[in-house]
C-alpha cells in the first residue's frame, strides 16, 4: 500500500472533501470543519492545522490540531483532534505515521507540546504520548484521558 501524508495547506483544493470526511466520521457539523479548515488555509497562526493520509484521491486517515478539543482544561493547548483511520486500513501504522508527521510539523511551527483527549488506552503510548490527567469533556458526564507529547 502506498499513501502520502499531506497538509491541507499544501492541498487546499481538497478542503470540501476533507471536511465532509471528518464530518462523516465524527458527526461534528460540517460547517465547523469548513470554518476551521478555512482558518487553517489563511495561515495567520500555527493553529488550526489539518492533515490527511491519501491513497490517490481516497482519504485513508486524518487528524487536526485545534486550540481546544471540547474539554474543560483550556490551558492544555493545542490539541490533536479528530484522529481517525478507515476501519479497513487500521493496524497498518497509518495513524502512527500521521501522529509523527503532525508532531514534527507542529514543532517546526514552534509548538513543542501537544495534547490529545481520548478514551483509548495503550495506543498513543506507542507513539511517544504520555498520560497526563483526566479531563471533563464539554457536555459529557464521564471523564476522558488527556495525553501530552513533548
C-alpha atoms as a PDB file:
ATOM      1  CA  UNK A   1       0.000   0.000   0.000  1.00  0.00           C
ATOM      2  CA  UNK A   2       1.322   3.404  -0.898  1.00  0.00           C
ATOM      3  CA  UNK A   3      -0.103   6.526   0.639  1.00  0.00           C
ATOM      4  CA  UNK A   4       1.132  10.022   1.309  1.00  0.00           C
ATOM      5  CA  UNK A   5       0.705  12.336   4.266  1.00  0.00           C
ATOM      6  CA  UNK A   6      -0.404  15.813   3.231  1.00  0.00           C
ATOM      7  CA  UNK A   7      -1.091  19.079   4.996  1.00  0.00           C
ATOM      8  CA  UNK A   8      -4.319  20.750   3.992  1.00  0.00           C
ATOM      9  CA  UNK A   9      -2.280  23.916   3.414  1.00  0.00           C
ATOM     10  CA  UNK A  10      -0.389  22.048   0.667  1.00  0.00           C
ATOM     11  CA  UNK A  11      -3.618  20.799  -0.996  1.00  0.00           C
ATOM     12  CA  UNK A  12      -6.308  23.440  -0.360  1.00  0.00           C
ATOM     13  CA  UNK A  13      -8.402  22.026  -3.216  1.00  0.00           C
ATOM     14  CA  UNK A  14      -9.411  19.047  -1.029  1.00  0.00           C
ATOM     15  CA  UNK A  15     -10.903  21.198   1.755  1.00  0.00           C
ATOM     16  CA  UNK A  16     -14.545  20.273   0.997  1.00  0.00           C
ATOM     17  CA  UNK A  17     -13.729  16.572   0.611  1.00  0.00           C
ATOM     18  CA  UNK A  18     -11.736  16.586   3.862  1.00  0.00           C
ATOM     19  CA  UNK A  19     -14.410  18.471   5.814  1.00  0.00           C
ATOM     20  CA  UNK A  20     -17.059  16.036   4.569  1.00  0.00           C
ATOM     21  CA  UNK A  21     -14.901  13.045   5.512  1.00  0.00           C
ATOM     22  CA  UNK A  22     -14.276  14.283   9.090  1.00  0.00           C
ATOM     23  CA  UNK A  23     -17.963  15.237   9.466  1.00  0.00           C
ATOM     24  CA  UNK A  24     -18.996  11.721   8.388  1.00  0.00           C
ATOM     25  CA  UNK A  25     -16.605  10.105  10.894  1.00  0.00           C
ATOM     26  CA  UNK A  26     -17.279  12.278  13.947  1.00  0.00           C
ATOM     27  CA  UNK A  27     -20.751  13.788  13.472  1.00  0.00           C
ATOM     28  CA  UNK A  28     -19.480  17.302  14.226  1.00  0.00           C
ATOM     29  CA  UNK A  29     -21.285  19.832  11.987  1.00  0.00           C
ATOM     30  CA  UNK A  30     -19.768  20.135   8.521  1.00  0.00           C
ATOM     31  CA  UNK A  31     -19.690  23.916   8.949  1.00  0.00           C
ATOM     32  CA  UNK A  32     -17.401  23.582  11.979  1.00  0.00           C
ATOM     33  CA  UNK A  33     -14.836  21.654   9.939  1.00  0.00           C
ATOM     34  CA  UNK A  34     -15.124  24.023   6.972  1.00  0.00           C
ATOM     35  CA  UNK A  35     -14.645  27.044   9.254  1.00  0.00           C
ATOM     36  CA  UNK A  36     -11.593  25.525  10.958  1.00  0.00           C
ATOM     37  CA  UNK A  37     -10.085  24.461   7.632  1.00  0.00           C
ATOM     38  CA  UNK A  38     -10.650  27.914   6.138  1.00  0.00           C
ATOM     39  CA  UNK A  39      -8.863  29.415   9.154  1.00  0.00           C
ATOM     40  CA  UNK A  40      -6.047  26.893   8.608  1.00  0.00           C
ATOM     41  CA  UNK A  41      -5.720  27.931   4.960  1.00  0.00           C
ATOM     42  CA  UNK A  42      -5.487  31.619   5.904  1.00  0.00           C
ATOM     43  CA  UNK A  43      -2.240  30.670   7.742  1.00  0.00           C
ATOM     44  CA  UNK A  44      -2.470  33.550  10.213  1.00  0.00           C
ATOM     45  CA  UNK A  45      -1.417  31.314  13.146  1.00  0.00           C
ATOM     46  CA  UNK A  46       0.099  27.856  13.695  1.00  0.00           C
ATOM     47  CA  UNK A  47      -3.295  26.532  14.859  1.00  0.00           C
ATOM     48  CA  UNK A  48      -5.556  25.165  13.417  1.00  0.00           C
ATOM     49  CA  UNK A  49      -3.902  22.669  11.064  1.00  0.00           C
ATOM     50  CA  UNK A  50      -5.333  19.647   9.246  1.00  0.00           C
ATOM     51  CA  UNK A  51      -3.548  16.535   7.950  1.00  0.00           C
ATOM     52  CA  UNK A  52      -4.602  13.595   5.793  1.00  0.00           C
ATOM     53  CA  UNK A  53      -3.263  10.242   4.674  1.00  0.00           C
ATOM     54  CA  UNK A  54      -4.168   9.892   0.994  1.00  0.00           C
ATOM     55  CA  UNK A  55      -4.008   6.990  -1.401  1.00  0.00           C
ATOM     56  CA  UNK A  56      -4.642   8.686  -4.722  1.00  0.00           C
ATOM     57  CA  UNK A  57      -7.693  10.822  -4.014  1.00  0.00           C
ATOM     58  CA  UNK A  58      -9.025   8.492  -1.301  1.00  0.00           C
ATOM     59  CA  UNK A  59      -8.700   9.601   2.328  1.00  0.00           C
ATOM     60  CA  UNK A  60      -7.384   6.747   4.484  1.00  0.00           C
ATOM     61  CA  UNK A  61      -6.927   8.703   7.705  1.00  0.00           C
ATOM     62  CA  UNK A  62      -6.631  12.139   9.139  1.00  0.00           C
ATOM     63  CA  UNK A  63      -6.370  14.419  12.137  1.00  0.00           C
ATOM     64  CA  UNK A  64      -6.298  18.059  13.029  1.00  0.00           C
ATOM     65  CA  UNK A  65      -4.680  20.372  15.544  1.00  0.00           C
ATOM     66  CA  UNK A  66      -7.017  22.884  17.175  1.00  0.00           C
ATOM     67  CA  UNK A  67      -6.817  25.123  20.236  1.00  0.00           C
ATOM     68  CA  UNK A  68      -9.183  23.046  22.402  1.00  0.00           C
ATOM     69  CA  UNK A  69     -10.875  19.720  21.704  1.00  0.00           C
ATOM     70  CA  UNK A  70     -14.069  20.491  23.649  1.00  0.00           C
ATOM     71  CA  UNK A  71     -12.849  19.951  27.236  1.00  0.00           C
ATOM     72  CA  UNK A  72     -12.571  21.922  30.475  1.00  0.00           C
ATOM     73  CA  UNK A  73      -8.767  22.346  30.512  1.00  0.00           C
ATOM     74  CA  UNK A  74      -8.417  25.379  28.245  1.00  0.00           C
ATOM     75  CA  UNK A  75      -4.821  25.766  29.488  1.00  0.00           C
ATOM     76  CA  UNK A  76      -3.838  22.484  27.789  1.00  0.00           C
ATOM     77  CA  UNK A  77      -3.459  23.667  24.203  1.00  0.00           C
ATOM     78  CA  UNK A  78      -3.144  22.976  21.283  1.00  0.00           C
ATOM     79  CA  UNK A  79      -4.957  19.655  20.900  1.00  0.00           C
ATOM     80  CA  UNK A  80      -4.631  16.945  18.288  1.00  0.00           C
ATOM     81  CA  UNK A  81      -8.231  16.141  17.351  1.00  0.00           C
ATOM     82  CA  UNK A  82     -10.439  14.023  15.100  1.00  0.00           C
ATOM     83  CA  UNK A  83      -7.896  11.195  14.856  1.00  0.00           C
ATOM     84  CA  UNK A  84      -9.388   8.598  12.514  1.00  0.00           C
ATOM     85  CA  UNK A  85      -8.215   5.812  10.227  1.00  0.00           C
ATOM     86  CA  UNK A  86     -10.602   3.942   7.936  1.00  0.00           C
ATOM     87  CA  UNK A  87     -11.530   0.622   9.553  1.00  0.00           C
ATOM     88  CA  UNK A  88     -10.167  -1.481   6.686  1.00  0.00           C
ATOM     89  CA  UNK A  89      -6.813   0.332   6.962  1.00  0.00           C
ATOM     90  CA  UNK A  90      -6.267   0.041  10.693  1.00  0.00           C
ATOM     91  CA  UNK A  91      -3.307  -1.829  12.213  1.00  0.00           C
ATOM     92  CA  UNK A  92      -1.093  -0.787   9.285  1.00  0.00           C
ATOM     93  CA  UNK A  93       0.679   2.080  11.064  1.00  0.00           C
ATOM     94  CA  UNK A  94      -1.143   4.925   9.292  1.00  0.00           C
ATOM     95  CA  UNK A  95      -2.212   6.688  12.497  1.00  0.00           C
ATOM     96  CA  UNK A  96       1.303   6.367  13.896  1.00  0.00           C
ATOM     97  CA  UNK A  97       2.849   7.887  10.768  1.00  0.00           C
ATOM     98  CA  UNK A  98       0.282  10.700  10.852  1.00  0.00           C
ATOM     99  CA  UNK A  99       0.924  11.371  14.551  1.00  0.00           C
ATOM    100  CA  UNK A 100       4.678  11.534  13.952  1.00  0.00           C
ATOM    101  CA  UNK A 101       4.222  13.854  10.993  1.00  0.00           C
ATOM    102  CA  UNK A 102       1.881  16.148  12.942  1.00  0.00           C
ATOM    103  CA  UNK A 103       4.252  16.349  15.936  1.00  0.00           C
ATOM    104  CA  UNK A 104       7.207  17.228  13.683  1.00  0.00           C
ATOM    105  CA  UNK A 105       5.215  19.739  11.636  1.00  0.00           C
ATOM    106  CA  UNK A 106       3.873  21.477  14.734  1.00  0.00           C
ATOM    107  CA  UNK A 107       7.357  21.544  16.267  1.00  0.00           C
ATOM    108  CA  UNK A 108       8.575  23.299  13.101  1.00  0.00           C
ATOM    109  CA  UNK A 109       5.778  25.837  13.711  1.00  0.00           C
ATOM    110  CA  UNK A 110       7.053  26.484  17.244  1.00  0.00           C
ATOM    111  CA  UNK A 111       4.623  24.193  19.064  1.00  0.00           C
ATOM    112  CA  UNK A 112       6.722  21.694  21.039  1.00  0.00           C
ATOM    113  CA  UNK A 113       3.942  20.387  23.284  1.00  0.00           C
ATOM    114  CA  UNK A 114       0.683  18.905  22.011  1.00  0.00           C
ATOM    115  CA  UNK A 115      -2.294  17.485  23.901  1.00  0.00           C
ATOM    116  CA  UNK A 116      -4.854  14.868  22.948  1.00  0.00           C
ATOM    117  CA  UNK A 117      -8.134  13.715  24.522  1.00  0.00           C
ATOM    118  CA  UNK A 118      -9.125  10.077  24.063  1.00  0.00           C
ATOM    119  CA  UNK A 119     -10.830   7.111  25.665  1.00  0.00           C
ATOM    120  CA  UNK A 120      -8.188   4.768  24.225  1.00  0.00           C
ATOM    121  CA  UNK A 121      -5.568   3.260  26.491  1.00  0.00           C
ATOM    122  CA  UNK A 122      -2.169   1.940  25.348  1.00  0.00           C
ATOM    123  CA  UNK A 123      -2.491   3.141  21.732  1.00  0.00           C
ATOM    124  CA  UNK A 124      -0.921   6.594  21.947  1.00  0.00           C
ATOM    125  CA  UNK A 125       1.856   5.476  24.296  1.00  0.00           C
ATOM    126  CA  UNK A 126       3.342   3.528  21.371  1.00  0.00           C
ATOM    127  CA  UNK A 127       3.965   6.832  19.623  1.00  0.00           C
ATOM    128  CA  UNK A 128       5.608   8.745  22.472  1.00  0.00           C
ATOM    129  CA  UNK A 129       2.496  10.194  24.105  1.00  0.00           C
ATOM    130  CA  UNK A 130       2.202  10.155  27.914  1.00  0.00           C
ATOM    131  CA  UNK A 131      -0.945  10.051  30.033  1.00  0.00           C
ATOM    132  CA  UNK A 132      -1.272  13.439  31.763  1.00  0.00           C
ATOM    133  CA  UNK A 133      -4.621  13.641  33.583  1.00  0.00           C
ATOM    134  CA  UNK A 134      -8.362  13.166  33.304  1.00  0.00           C
ATOM    135  CA  UNK A 135     -10.448  15.968  31.796  1.00  0.00           C
ATOM    136  CA  UNK A 136     -14.146  16.750  31.591  1.00  0.00           C
ATOM    137  CA  UNK A 137     -15.478  16.842  28.048  1.00  0.00           C
ATOM    138  CA  UNK A 138     -17.958  19.603  27.230  1.00  0.00           C
ATOM    139  CA  UNK A 139     -21.441  18.202  27.860  1.00  0.00           C
ATOM    140  CA  UNK A 140     -20.114  14.795  28.957  1.00  0.00           C
ATOM    141  CA  UNK A 141     -20.807  13.142  32.296  1.00  0.00           C
ATOM    142  CA  UNK A 142     -17.710  10.924  32.406  1.00  0.00           C
ATOM    143  CA  UNK A 143     -14.061  11.873  32.288  1.00  0.00           C
ATOM    144  CA  UNK A 144     -11.700  11.304  29.360  1.00  0.00           C
ATOM    145  CA  UNK A 145      -7.962  10.707  29.247  1.00  0.00           C
ATOM    146  CA  UNK A 146      -5.644  13.604  28.359  1.00  0.00           C
ATOM    147  CA  UNK A 147      -2.281  12.778  26.820  1.00  0.00           C
ATOM    148  CA  UNK A 148       0.727  15.006  26.193  1.00  0.00           C
ATOM    149  CA  UNK A 149       3.530  14.818  23.626  1.00  0.00           C
ATOM    150  CA  UNK A 150       6.630  16.896  24.303  1.00  0.00           C
END
